[in-house]
Amino acid sequence: MTDLELQDLVTNSGGTLRKQGTRRITAGVCTDSRKVSEGCVFFALVGDKFDGNAFAAEASRKAAAVVVSKQVGEYDAACSVVCVKDTLAALHALAAWWRGRLHPVGVAGITGSSGKTSTKDMLRSILEQHYHGHVVATERNLNNHIGVPMSILSAPSDTRAAVWEMGMNHAGELAPLCAMVKPSVGIITHIGSAHIGMLGSRDAIAQEKCTLARAVPEEGWVIYPAGDDYAEYIAGQTKAHALPVGGEESIVRALDVSSDAQGSDYTLVINGVGKASVHLPVPGKHMVSNSLLAAAAAWQLGCDLSEIVAGLGNIVLTHGRLSCLEENGVLLVDDTYNANPESMVAALRTVAAMRMKGRHYAVLGKMGELGSEGVAAHAEVGKCAAEMKYAGVVVLGEGSAELHALVEAVRAGGVSVQRVESPQAAADALCAVVRVGDAILFKGSRAAGIERVMDEFFKKSKRC
């Protein structure tokens, strides 16, 4: 978004021009004063623990304009100053205006308790085959009330297709995001228990996730797994065409699935279109489910079978999504991007199914925002690790009822388990048992810091 005029910014953010500078807007929108570039627009967002207004004067040294809700300090003379009542509301308003100026062939909105980012990566890869570079998608996990408008504002005016991911952890958060995105296709990847501590029940989670289903227009499509517990509920929440995928009778489904550490192979079937062999270069049967969602959406957005096959065969997942790498003869499976009960179990099953010369180990951390369900959810994860016959489990984190339940469930299943409080201690525990030919899964919520165990293991493994 480099063709923004100052008057467009003022008018469409609902602001007042307090001072007009001499710099032209030649770069995009920024909300982090540490990343301000020449000619950008800096929005001084206000949160519980920060006030962007305090950094606006510093940002004004490079920015073409700053959008503030109060003046703190003196602004650079060359920088324009736009004053608004609420900077977040102004950011949303500007993003909604810019989305209205874009005229892509199709826009896919994605939400769900798990699988959002992987499905987004897959769909983007397929659409790139068809639209040849005029595709935008959410970067990393910028899927919240700040990330979504920033993603929209980063879209160039010649965008042909867009894939925007939307997350939430409280009721009412998806509605304003859907209003900005204006999806023609909606994908609900799964109704699980992520954030159940904030919403209270899976029924409440389903109600909130189906905000996307209700936002898709009548001529659009809502795509979801046929086997989801809430499949019928999702279908009943939309006036658009409902398209369940992955079931035996589904229009879009997979046949003859085979999986190993290198990925999965299957026959993709789209009724009325044809069949094609797919190689999905990421492990896990749940990734096959995600790929069917992406294939169905791509089909509705104009892609043919050959483009779907090529896109799925060339996907590059966001870092930390079941990424496999070898270190000194040991397979490291990095799934540290985030975690909830469903994704923890899926990752444990995926790695356990990998055929290795050696054994399987797991480094697990705490899952957040589960409320009263937390102890039981962690116990289920521990039970799964034991059932999958892991050779050993290392649990990282300070003492808590949730981690205690995880440890005890692993131990009750007859599997060796250690609880440690530092990444260094976790790496030491691994080095004491892991040998060439083994595989290690690293999995936990971002706050658990499991990726730091990987860093420490890299350092120590050369001496193991």
Protein backbone atom coordinates (compact mmCIF):
# COMPACT_ATOMS: atom_id res chain seq x y z
CA MET A 1 0.00 0.00 0.00
CA THR A 2 2.32 2.68 -1.30
CA ASP A 3 -0.18 4.77 -3.23
CA LEU A 4 -1.94 6.25 -0.20
CA GLU A 5 -2.55 9.98 -0.22
CA LEU A 6 -2.56 11.98 3.00
CA GLN A 7 -6.17 13.06 2.47
CA ASP A 8 -7.19 9.41 2.03
CA LEU A 9 -5.54 8.63 5.35
CA VAL A 10 -7.29 11.49 7.13
CA THR A 11 -10.72 10.84 5.65
CA ASN A 12 -10.76 7.06 5.94
CA SER A 13 -9.29 6.82 9.42
CA GLY A 14 -11.89 9.23 10.74
CA GLY A 15 -9.17 11.61 11.83
CA THR A 16 -8.33 15.29 11.89
CA LEU A 17 -5.19 16.66 10.26
CA ARG A 18 -3.42 18.53 13.06
CA LYS A 19 -0.22 19.22 11.15
CA GLN A 20 0.75 18.74 7.52
CA GLY A 21 4.35 17.81 6.86
CA THR A 22 6.36 17.69 3.67
CA ARG A 23 7.04 13.97 3.38
CA ARG A 24 4.98 11.90 0.96
CA ILE A 25 3.59 8.51 1.94
CA THR A 26 5.77 6.07 0.01
CA ALA A 27 5.71 2.99 2.27
CA GLY A 28 3.15 0.95 4.15
CA VAL A 29 1.56 1.09 7.59
CA CYS A 30 3.59 0.34 10.72
CA THR A 31 2.60 -0.15 14.38
CA ASP A 32 6.07 -0.84 15.82
CA SER A 33 8.23 2.26 16.29
CA ARG A 34 11.33 0.05 16.09
CA LYS A 35 10.43 -0.90 12.52
CA VAL A 36 9.46 2.49 11.15
CA SER A 37 10.73 3.04 7.61
CA GLU A 38 11.09 6.17 5.53
CA GLY A 39 7.73 7.37 4.22
CA CYS A 40 5.50 4.98 6.19
CA VAL A 41 2.41 5.72 8.28
CA PHE A 42 2.84 4.98 11.99
CA PHE A 43 -0.27 4.09 14.01
CA ALA A 44 0.23 4.70 17.73
CA LEU A 45 -1.77 1.77 19.08
CA VAL A 46 -2.61 1.61 22.78
CA GLY A 47 -2.69 -1.66 24.72
CA ASP A 48 -2.87 -2.84 28.31
CA LYS A 49 0.91 -2.67 28.70
CA PHE A 50 2.00 -0.09 26.12
CA ASP A 51 1.03 3.26 24.66
CA GLY A 52 2.21 3.87 21.11
CA ASN A 53 1.62 7.59 21.55
CA ALA A 54 4.76 7.67 23.66
CA PHE A 55 6.81 6.55 20.63
CA ALA A 56 5.12 8.64 17.95
CA ALA A 57 7.58 11.55 18.25
CA GLU A 58 10.48 9.16 17.66
CA ALA A 59 8.62 7.56 14.74
CA SER A 60 8.02 10.97 13.18
CA ARG A 61 11.73 11.29 12.36
CA LYS A 62 11.21 8.84 9.48
CA ALA A 63 7.47 8.42 9.02
CA ALA A 64 5.50 10.45 6.52
CA ALA A 65 2.58 10.57 8.96
CA VAL A 66 1.73 9.48 12.48
CA VAL A 67 -1.79 8.64 13.65
CA VAL A 68 -2.17 9.41 17.34
CA SER A 69 -4.87 9.72 19.98
CA LYS A 70 -2.89 12.18 22.10
CA GLN A 71 0.29 14.22 21.74
CA VAL A 72 3.35 13.09 23.63
CA GLY A 73 6.50 15.04 22.79
CA GLU A 74 7.38 17.10 19.73
CA TYR A 75 6.96 15.76 16.20
CA ASP A 76 9.40 16.19 13.33
CA ALA A 77 8.43 19.14 11.16
CA ALA A 78 8.43 17.04 7.98
CA CYS A 79 5.92 14.53 9.39
CA SER A 80 2.14 14.96 9.15
CA VAL A 81 0.09 14.36 12.30
CA VAL A 82 -3.40 12.87 12.20
CA CYS A 83 -5.37 12.87 15.43
CA VAL A 84 -8.10 10.26 16.09
CA LYS A 85 -10.14 9.21 19.09
CA ASP A 86 -9.09 5.55 18.95
CA THR A 87 -6.05 4.49 16.93
CA LEU A 88 -7.08 0.81 16.68
CA ALA A 89 -10.54 1.79 15.41
CA ALA A 90 -8.83 4.11 12.93
CA LEU A 91 -6.60 1.25 11.73
CA HIS A 92 -9.67 -0.95 11.25
CA ALA A 93 -11.49 1.80 9.36
CA LEU A 94 -8.55 2.38 7.02
CA ALA A 95 -8.22 -1.36 6.36
CA ALA A 96 -11.95 -1.66 5.59
CA TRP A 97 -11.65 1.24 3.12
CA TRP A 98 -8.61 -0.31 1.44
CA ARG A 99 -10.34 -3.72 1.23
CA GLY A 100 -13.21 -1.95 -0.51
CA ARG A 101 -10.81 -0.57 -3.11
CA LEU A 102 -9.40 -4.00 -3.88
CA HIS A 103 -11.22 -6.09 -6.45
CA PRO A 104 -9.72 -9.58 -6.23
CA VAL A 105 -11.32 -12.50 -8.03
CA GLY A 106 -11.72 -14.27 -4.71
CA VAL A 107 -10.96 -13.91 -1.02
CA ALA A 108 -10.70 -16.85 1.36
CA GLY A 109 -11.12 -16.30 5.08
CA ILE A 110 -9.80 -19.05 7.36
CA THR A 111 -10.52 -19.75 11.02
CA GLY A 112 -10.57 -22.79 13.29
CA SER A 113 -9.13 -24.17 16.50
CA SER A 114 -6.14 -25.70 14.73
CA GLY A 115 -4.74 -26.04 11.23
CA LYS A 116 -5.39 -22.44 10.16
CA THR A 117 -1.85 -21.49 9.24
CA SER A 118 -1.01 -24.75 7.47
CA THR A 119 -4.24 -24.58 5.44
CA LYS A 120 -3.48 -20.96 4.59
CA ASP A 121 0.02 -21.88 3.41
CA MET A 122 -1.37 -24.68 1.24
CA LEU A 123 -4.09 -22.55 -0.33
CA ARG A 124 -1.67 -19.74 -1.04
CA SER A 125 0.70 -22.17 -2.76
CA ILE A 126 -2.09 -23.45 -5.01
CA LEU A 127 -3.41 -19.99 -5.87
CA GLU A 128 0.09 -18.89 -6.84
CA GLN A 129 -0.03 -21.53 -9.57
CA HIS A 130 -3.13 -19.92 -11.07
CA TYR A 131 -2.70 -16.20 -10.42
CA HIS A 132 1.07 -16.05 -10.95
CA GLY A 133 2.23 -13.77 -8.17
CA HIS A 134 -0.87 -11.65 -7.63
CA VAL A 135 -1.80 -13.48 -4.43
CA VAL A 136 -1.56 -12.15 -0.88
CA ALA A 137 -1.87 -14.11 2.35
CA THR A 138 -1.46 -13.62 6.07
CA GLU A 139 2.21 -13.63 7.01
CA ARG A 140 3.30 -15.76 9.97
CA ASN A 141 0.43 -15.72 12.50
CA LEU A 142 -0.73 -12.10 12.06
CA ASN A 143 -4.36 -13.14 12.44
CA ASN A 144 -5.72 -11.02 15.27
CA HIS A 145 -7.36 -7.59 15.61
CA ILE A 146 -4.06 -5.94 14.65
CA GLY A 147 -2.65 -8.54 12.27
CA VAL A 148 -5.72 -8.80 10.03
CA PRO A 149 -5.98 -5.08 9.20
CA MET A 150 -2.22 -4.93 8.72
CA SER A 151 -2.43 -7.87 6.32
CA ILE A 152 -5.18 -6.17 4.34
CA LEU A 153 -3.28 -2.89 4.20
CA SER A 154 -0.21 -4.70 2.87
CA ALA A 155 -2.11 -5.96 -0.18
CA PRO A 156 -1.14 -4.20 -3.42
CA SER A 157 -3.87 -2.70 -5.59
CA ASP A 158 -3.41 -5.37 -8.29
CA THR A 159 -4.18 -8.28 -5.93
CA ARG A 160 -6.07 -11.07 -7.74
CA ALA A 161 -6.67 -13.42 -4.80
CA ALA A 162 -6.25 -13.20 -1.04
CA VAL A 163 -6.06 -15.70 1.81
CA TRP A 164 -6.56 -14.12 5.21
CA GLU A 165 -6.39 -16.06 8.45
CA MET A 166 -8.49 -14.97 11.42
CA GLY A 167 -7.95 -16.03 15.01
CA MET A 168 -9.72 -15.26 18.25
CA ASN A 169 -9.68 -16.09 21.95
CA HIS A 170 -12.78 -14.18 23.13
CA ALA A 171 -16.37 -14.06 21.96
CA GLY A 172 -17.14 -11.27 19.51
CA GLU A 173 -13.63 -10.95 18.08
CA LEU A 174 -14.28 -12.53 14.68
CA ALA A 175 -17.18 -10.31 13.57
CA PRO A 176 -15.12 -7.14 12.95
CA LEU A 177 -12.40 -9.19 11.23
CA CYS A 178 -14.91 -10.84 8.89
CA ALA A 179 -16.40 -7.42 8.13
CA MET A 180 -12.95 -6.24 7.02
CA VAL A 181 -12.00 -9.36 5.07
CA LYS A 182 -15.33 -9.77 3.20
CA PRO A 183 -14.66 -13.42 2.28
CA SER A 184 -16.18 -15.08 -0.76
CA VAL A 185 -15.00 -18.46 0.57
CA GLY A 186 -14.84 -19.37 4.25
CA ILE A 187 -12.80 -22.27 5.65
CA ILE A 188 -13.41 -23.57 9.17
CA THR A 189 -10.59 -26.02 9.79
CA HIS A 190 -11.77 -27.55 13.06
CA ILE A 191 -13.88 -26.85 16.14
CA GLY A 192 -11.68 -27.88 19.04
CA SER A 193 -10.91 -26.80 22.58
CA ALA A 194 -8.27 -24.10 21.99
CA HIS A 195 -9.12 -21.04 24.13
CA ILE A 196 -11.86 -22.96 25.94
CA GLY A 197 -10.76 -21.23 29.13
CA MET A 198 -11.82 -17.92 27.59
CA LEU A 199 -15.08 -19.07 25.98
CA GLY A 200 -16.23 -21.69 28.46
CA SER A 201 -17.29 -24.56 26.18
CA ARG A 202 -16.82 -26.07 22.73
CA ASP A 203 -20.37 -24.99 21.91
CA ALA A 204 -19.36 -21.40 22.57
CA ILE A 205 -16.22 -21.89 20.46
CA ALA A 206 -18.37 -23.25 17.61
CA GLN A 207 -20.71 -20.29 17.88
CA GLU A 208 -17.82 -17.84 17.58
CA LYS A 209 -16.00 -19.72 14.80
CA CYS A 210 -19.23 -19.85 12.79
CA THR A 211 -19.16 -16.07 12.64
CA LEU A 212 -17.16 -16.74 9.47
CA ALA A 213 -19.84 -19.08 8.11
CA ARG A 214 -22.46 -16.40 8.67
CA ALA A 215 -20.29 -13.76 6.97
CA VAL A 216 -19.93 -15.56 3.63
CA PRO A 217 -22.50 -14.30 1.09
CA GLU A 218 -25.17 -16.53 -0.42
CA GLU A 219 -23.24 -17.10 -3.63
CA GLY A 220 -20.08 -18.07 -1.69
CA TRP A 221 -18.85 -21.32 -0.18
CA VAL A 222 -18.22 -22.48 3.39
CA ILE A 223 -15.74 -25.38 3.54
CA TYR A 224 -15.14 -27.61 6.57
CA PRO A 225 -14.18 -31.21 7.48
CA ALA A 226 -17.06 -33.65 7.05
CA GLY A 227 -15.92 -35.53 10.14
CA ASP A 228 -15.90 -32.56 12.49
CA ASP A 229 -18.17 -32.91 15.54
CA TYR A 230 -19.84 -29.64 14.55
CA ALA A 231 -20.17 -30.29 10.80
CA GLU A 232 -23.97 -30.15 10.82
CA TYR A 233 -23.93 -27.06 13.01
CA ILE A 234 -21.56 -25.28 10.62
CA ALA A 235 -23.78 -26.12 7.64
CA GLY A 236 -26.79 -24.73 9.48
CA GLN A 237 -25.06 -21.45 10.26
CA THR A 238 -24.53 -20.26 6.69
CA LYS A 239 -26.68 -19.05 3.82
CA ALA A 240 -23.81 -19.85 1.43
CA HIS A 241 -23.11 -23.20 -0.21
CA ALA A 242 -21.90 -25.70 2.40
CA LEU A 243 -19.06 -27.96 1.26
CA PRO A 244 -17.96 -30.66 3.74
CA VAL A 245 -14.74 -32.37 2.61
CA GLY A 246 -12.90 -35.56 3.47
CA GLY A 247 -15.86 -37.85 4.11
CA GLU A 248 -16.58 -41.01 2.14
CA GLU A 249 -19.44 -39.27 0.31
CA SER A 250 -17.84 -35.83 0.10
CA ILE A 251 -17.44 -34.07 -3.23
CA VAL A 252 -13.77 -33.48 -2.33
CA ARG A 253 -12.00 -36.42 -0.68
CA ALA A 254 -8.77 -38.41 -0.49
CA LEU A 255 -8.33 -42.09 -1.41
CA ASP A 256 -5.46 -44.52 -0.77
CA VAL A 257 -3.62 -42.33 1.73
CA SER A 258 -0.11 -43.43 2.70
CA SER A 259 2.16 -41.43 5.01
CA ASP A 260 5.76 -41.49 6.21
CA ALA A 261 8.32 -39.05 7.60
CA GLN A 262 8.65 -37.37 4.19
CA GLY A 263 4.94 -36.66 3.80
CA SER A 264 1.79 -38.24 2.39
CA ASP A 265 0.63 -39.57 -0.95
CA TYR A 266 -3.02 -39.91 -1.92
CA THR A 267 -5.49 -39.71 -4.76
CA LEU A 268 -7.43 -36.45 -4.75
CA VAL A 269 -11.01 -36.83 -5.95
CA ILE A 270 -13.26 -33.91 -6.92
CA ASN A 271 -16.61 -35.13 -8.17
CA GLY A 272 -17.38 -33.86 -11.63
CA VAL A 273 -13.79 -32.71 -12.12
CA GLY A 274 -11.60 -35.79 -11.89
CA LYS A 275 -8.89 -37.56 -9.92
CA ALA A 276 -5.19 -36.83 -9.49
CA SER A 277 -2.24 -38.17 -7.52
CA VAL A 278 -0.98 -35.80 -4.82
CA HIS A 279 2.33 -35.83 -2.98
CA LEU A 280 2.12 -33.70 0.14
CA PRO A 281 5.68 -32.99 1.38
CA VAL A 282 4.72 -32.62 5.05
CA PRO A 283 4.03 -35.50 7.45
CA GLY A 284 0.80 -36.15 9.31
CA LYS A 285 -2.66 -37.38 8.37
CA HIS A 286 -4.13 -34.18 9.79
CA MET A 287 -2.13 -32.35 7.12
CA VAL A 288 -3.99 -34.39 4.50
CA SER A 289 -7.24 -33.05 5.96
CA ASN A 290 -5.88 -29.50 5.78
CA SER A 291 -4.83 -30.05 2.17
CA LEU A 292 -8.37 -31.13 1.22
CA LEU A 293 -9.75 -27.91 2.67
CA ALA A 294 -7.21 -25.94 0.65
CA ALA A 295 -7.94 -27.96 -2.51
CA ALA A 296 -11.69 -27.41 -2.19
CA ALA A 297 -11.24 -23.67 -1.69
CA ALA A 298 -8.82 -23.41 -4.60
CA TRP A 299 -11.29 -25.25 -6.83
CA GLN A 300 -14.00 -22.76 -5.95
CA LEU A 301 -11.56 -19.91 -6.61
CA GLY A 302 -10.87 -21.05 -10.17
CA CYS A 303 -7.94 -23.49 -9.95
CA ASP A 304 -7.88 -26.73 -11.91
CA LEU A 305 -6.62 -30.15 -10.81
CA SER A 306 -3.14 -29.71 -12.22
CA GLU A 307 -2.70 -26.41 -10.37
CA ILE A 308 -3.96 -27.95 -7.12
CA VAL A 309 -1.54 -30.87 -7.42
CA ALA A 310 1.40 -28.58 -8.24
CA GLY A 311 0.59 -26.18 -5.42
CA LEU A 312 0.27 -28.91 -2.80
CA GLY A 313 3.47 -30.51 -4.00
CA ASN A 314 5.44 -27.31 -3.54
CA ILE A 315 4.14 -25.96 -0.23
CA VAL A 316 6.42 -24.29 2.27
CA LEU A 317 4.80 -24.23 5.69
CA THR A 318 5.25 -21.42 8.17
CA HIS A 319 8.28 -22.10 10.40
CA GLY A 320 7.56 -24.42 13.33
CA ARG A 321 4.87 -26.49 11.60
CA LEU A 322 6.13 -30.09 11.66
CA SER A 323 9.43 -29.04 10.12
CA CYS A 324 11.85 -31.96 9.95
CA LEU A 325 15.61 -31.61 10.02
CA GLU A 326 18.47 -33.91 10.87
CA GLU A 327 21.16 -33.07 13.39
CA ASN A 328 24.04 -35.53 13.88
CA GLY A 329 21.88 -38.44 12.76
CA VAL A 330 18.88 -37.48 14.92
CA LEU A 331 15.59 -36.39 13.32
CA LEU A 332 14.25 -33.21 14.95
CA VAL A 333 10.57 -32.46 14.38
CA ASP A 334 9.87 -28.78 15.06
CA ASP A 335 6.17 -28.17 15.84
CA THR A 336 6.79 -25.34 18.26
CA TYR A 337 4.64 -22.75 16.49
CA ASN A 338 1.83 -23.17 19.03
CA ALA A 339 -0.19 -25.87 20.73
CA ASN A 340 -3.67 -26.90 21.79
CA PRO A 341 -4.99 -30.33 22.84
CA GLU A 342 -5.90 -31.42 19.32
CA SER A 343 -2.65 -30.32 17.71
CA MET A 344 -0.59 -31.87 20.51
CA VAL A 345 -2.24 -35.26 20.00
CA ALA A 346 -1.95 -34.96 16.20
CA ALA A 347 1.78 -34.19 16.43
CA LEU A 348 2.41 -37.06 18.86
CA ARG A 349 0.61 -39.49 16.56
CA THR A 350 2.38 -38.17 13.47
CA VAL A 351 5.88 -38.57 14.88
CA ALA A 352 5.09 -41.95 16.44
CA ALA A 353 4.03 -43.17 13.00
CA MET A 354 7.39 -42.22 11.45
CA ARG A 355 9.46 -45.29 10.74
CA MET A 356 12.84 -44.79 12.38
CA LYS A 357 15.86 -46.99 12.96
CA GLY A 358 15.81 -45.82 16.54
CA ARG A 359 13.27 -44.60 19.06
CA HIS A 360 10.83 -41.71 19.45
CA TYR A 361 11.15 -39.00 22.10
CA ALA A 362 9.07 -35.90 22.83
CA VAL A 363 9.72 -32.57 24.52
CA LEU A 364 6.39 -31.13 25.62
CA GLY A 365 5.30 -27.90 27.28
CA LYS A 366 2.20 -26.41 28.80
CA MET A 367 -0.83 -25.40 26.76
CA GLY A 368 -2.48 -22.08 27.60
CA GLU A 369 -6.01 -20.65 27.83
CA LEU A 370 -7.73 -23.93 28.74
CA GLY A 371 -9.24 -22.78 32.04
CA SER A 372 -10.89 -25.50 34.10
CA GLU A 373 -10.31 -27.97 31.25
CA GLY A 374 -6.53 -27.59 31.52
CA VAL A 375 -5.70 -30.46 33.88
CA ALA A 376 -7.81 -32.99 31.99
CA ALA A 377 -6.47 -31.81 28.61
CA HIS A 378 -2.85 -32.18 29.71
CA ALA A 379 -3.61 -35.63 31.11
CA GLU A 380 -5.02 -36.66 27.72
CA VAL A 381 -1.85 -35.50 26.01
CA GLY A 382 0.24 -37.53 28.45
CA LYS A 383 -1.97 -40.55 27.92
CA CYS A 384 -1.48 -40.23 24.16
CA ALA A 385 2.33 -40.11 24.51
CA ALA A 386 2.18 -43.29 26.59
CA GLU A 387 -0.17 -45.07 24.17
CA MET A 388 2.11 -44.18 21.26
CA LYS A 389 4.95 -45.95 23.10
CA TYR A 390 7.40 -43.04 23.14
CA ALA A 391 10.75 -44.10 24.53
CA GLY A 392 10.82 -41.04 26.75
CA VAL A 393 9.18 -37.68 27.35
CA VAL A 394 10.74 -34.49 28.69
CA VAL A 395 8.28 -31.96 30.12
CA LEU A 396 9.48 -28.36 30.33
CA GLY A 397 8.06 -25.89 32.81
CA GLU A 398 7.73 -24.92 36.43
CA GLY A 399 5.43 -26.94 38.66
CA SER A 400 1.70 -26.62 37.93
CA ALA A 401 -1.36 -28.82 38.22
CA GLU A 402 -1.50 -29.09 34.42
CA LEU A 403 2.09 -30.25 33.99
CA HIS A 404 1.75 -32.58 36.97
CA ALA A 405 -1.24 -34.21 35.25
CA LEU A 406 0.77 -34.55 32.03
CA VAL A 407 3.73 -36.14 33.80
CA GLU A 408 1.59 -38.55 35.81
CA ALA A 409 -0.35 -39.68 32.74
CA VAL A 410 2.88 -40.46 30.89
CA ARG A 411 4.28 -42.30 33.90
CA ALA A 412 1.05 -44.26 34.43
CA GLY A 413 1.40 -45.53 30.88
CA GLY A 414 4.80 -47.01 31.64
CA VAL A 415 6.84 -44.45 29.70
CA SER A 416 9.94 -42.75 31.12
CA VAL A 417 9.30 -39.05 31.84
CA GLN A 418 11.35 -36.19 33.27
CA ARG A 419 10.12 -32.74 34.24
CA VAL A 420 12.69 -29.95 34.00
CA GLU A 421 12.53 -26.21 34.50
CA SER A 422 14.99 -24.89 31.94
CA PRO A 423 15.77 -25.43 28.26
CA GLN A 424 19.34 -26.28 29.21
CA ALA A 425 18.16 -29.04 31.55
CA ALA A 426 15.83 -30.37 28.87
CA ALA A 427 18.67 -30.51 26.35
CA ASP A 428 20.88 -32.29 28.90
CA ALA A 429 18.13 -34.87 29.48
CA LEU A 430 17.90 -35.50 25.74
CA CYS A 431 21.64 -35.80 25.26
CA ALA A 432 21.74 -38.45 27.98
CA VAL A 433 19.43 -40.82 26.07
CA VAL A 434 19.13 -39.87 22.39
CA ARG A 435 21.21 -41.77 19.86
CA VAL A 436 21.71 -41.81 16.09
CA GLY A 437 18.54 -42.95 14.35
CA ASP A 438 16.15 -41.51 16.96
CA ALA A 439 13.45 -38.86 16.42
CA ILE A 440 12.49 -36.04 18.78
CA LEU A 441 9.22 -34.08 18.69
CA PHE A 442 9.31 -30.54 20.12
CA LYS A 443 5.80 -29.27 20.91
CA GLY A 444 4.17 -26.70 23.21
CA SER A 445 2.47 -23.32 23.29
CA ARG A 446 4.58 -20.29 22.43
CA ALA A 447 4.80 -19.27 26.06
CA ALA A 448 6.36 -22.63 26.95
CA GLY A 449 9.53 -21.75 25.03
CA ILE A 450 10.07 -25.22 23.59
CA GLU A 451 11.99 -23.76 20.64
CA ARG A 452 14.73 -22.81 23.11
CA VAL A 453 15.21 -26.50 23.92
CA MET A 454 15.93 -27.07 20.24
CA ASP A 455 18.52 -24.28 20.30
CA GLU A 456 20.21 -25.79 23.33
CA PHE A 457 20.11 -29.27 21.85
CA PHE A 458 21.81 -27.97 18.69
CA LYS A 459 24.62 -26.61 20.86
CA LYS A 460 24.98 -29.71 23.01
CA SER A 461 24.31 -32.48 20.48
CA LYS A 462 27.78 -32.20 18.96
CA ARG A 463 29.12 -33.26 22.37
CA CYS A 464 26.47 -35.88 23.15
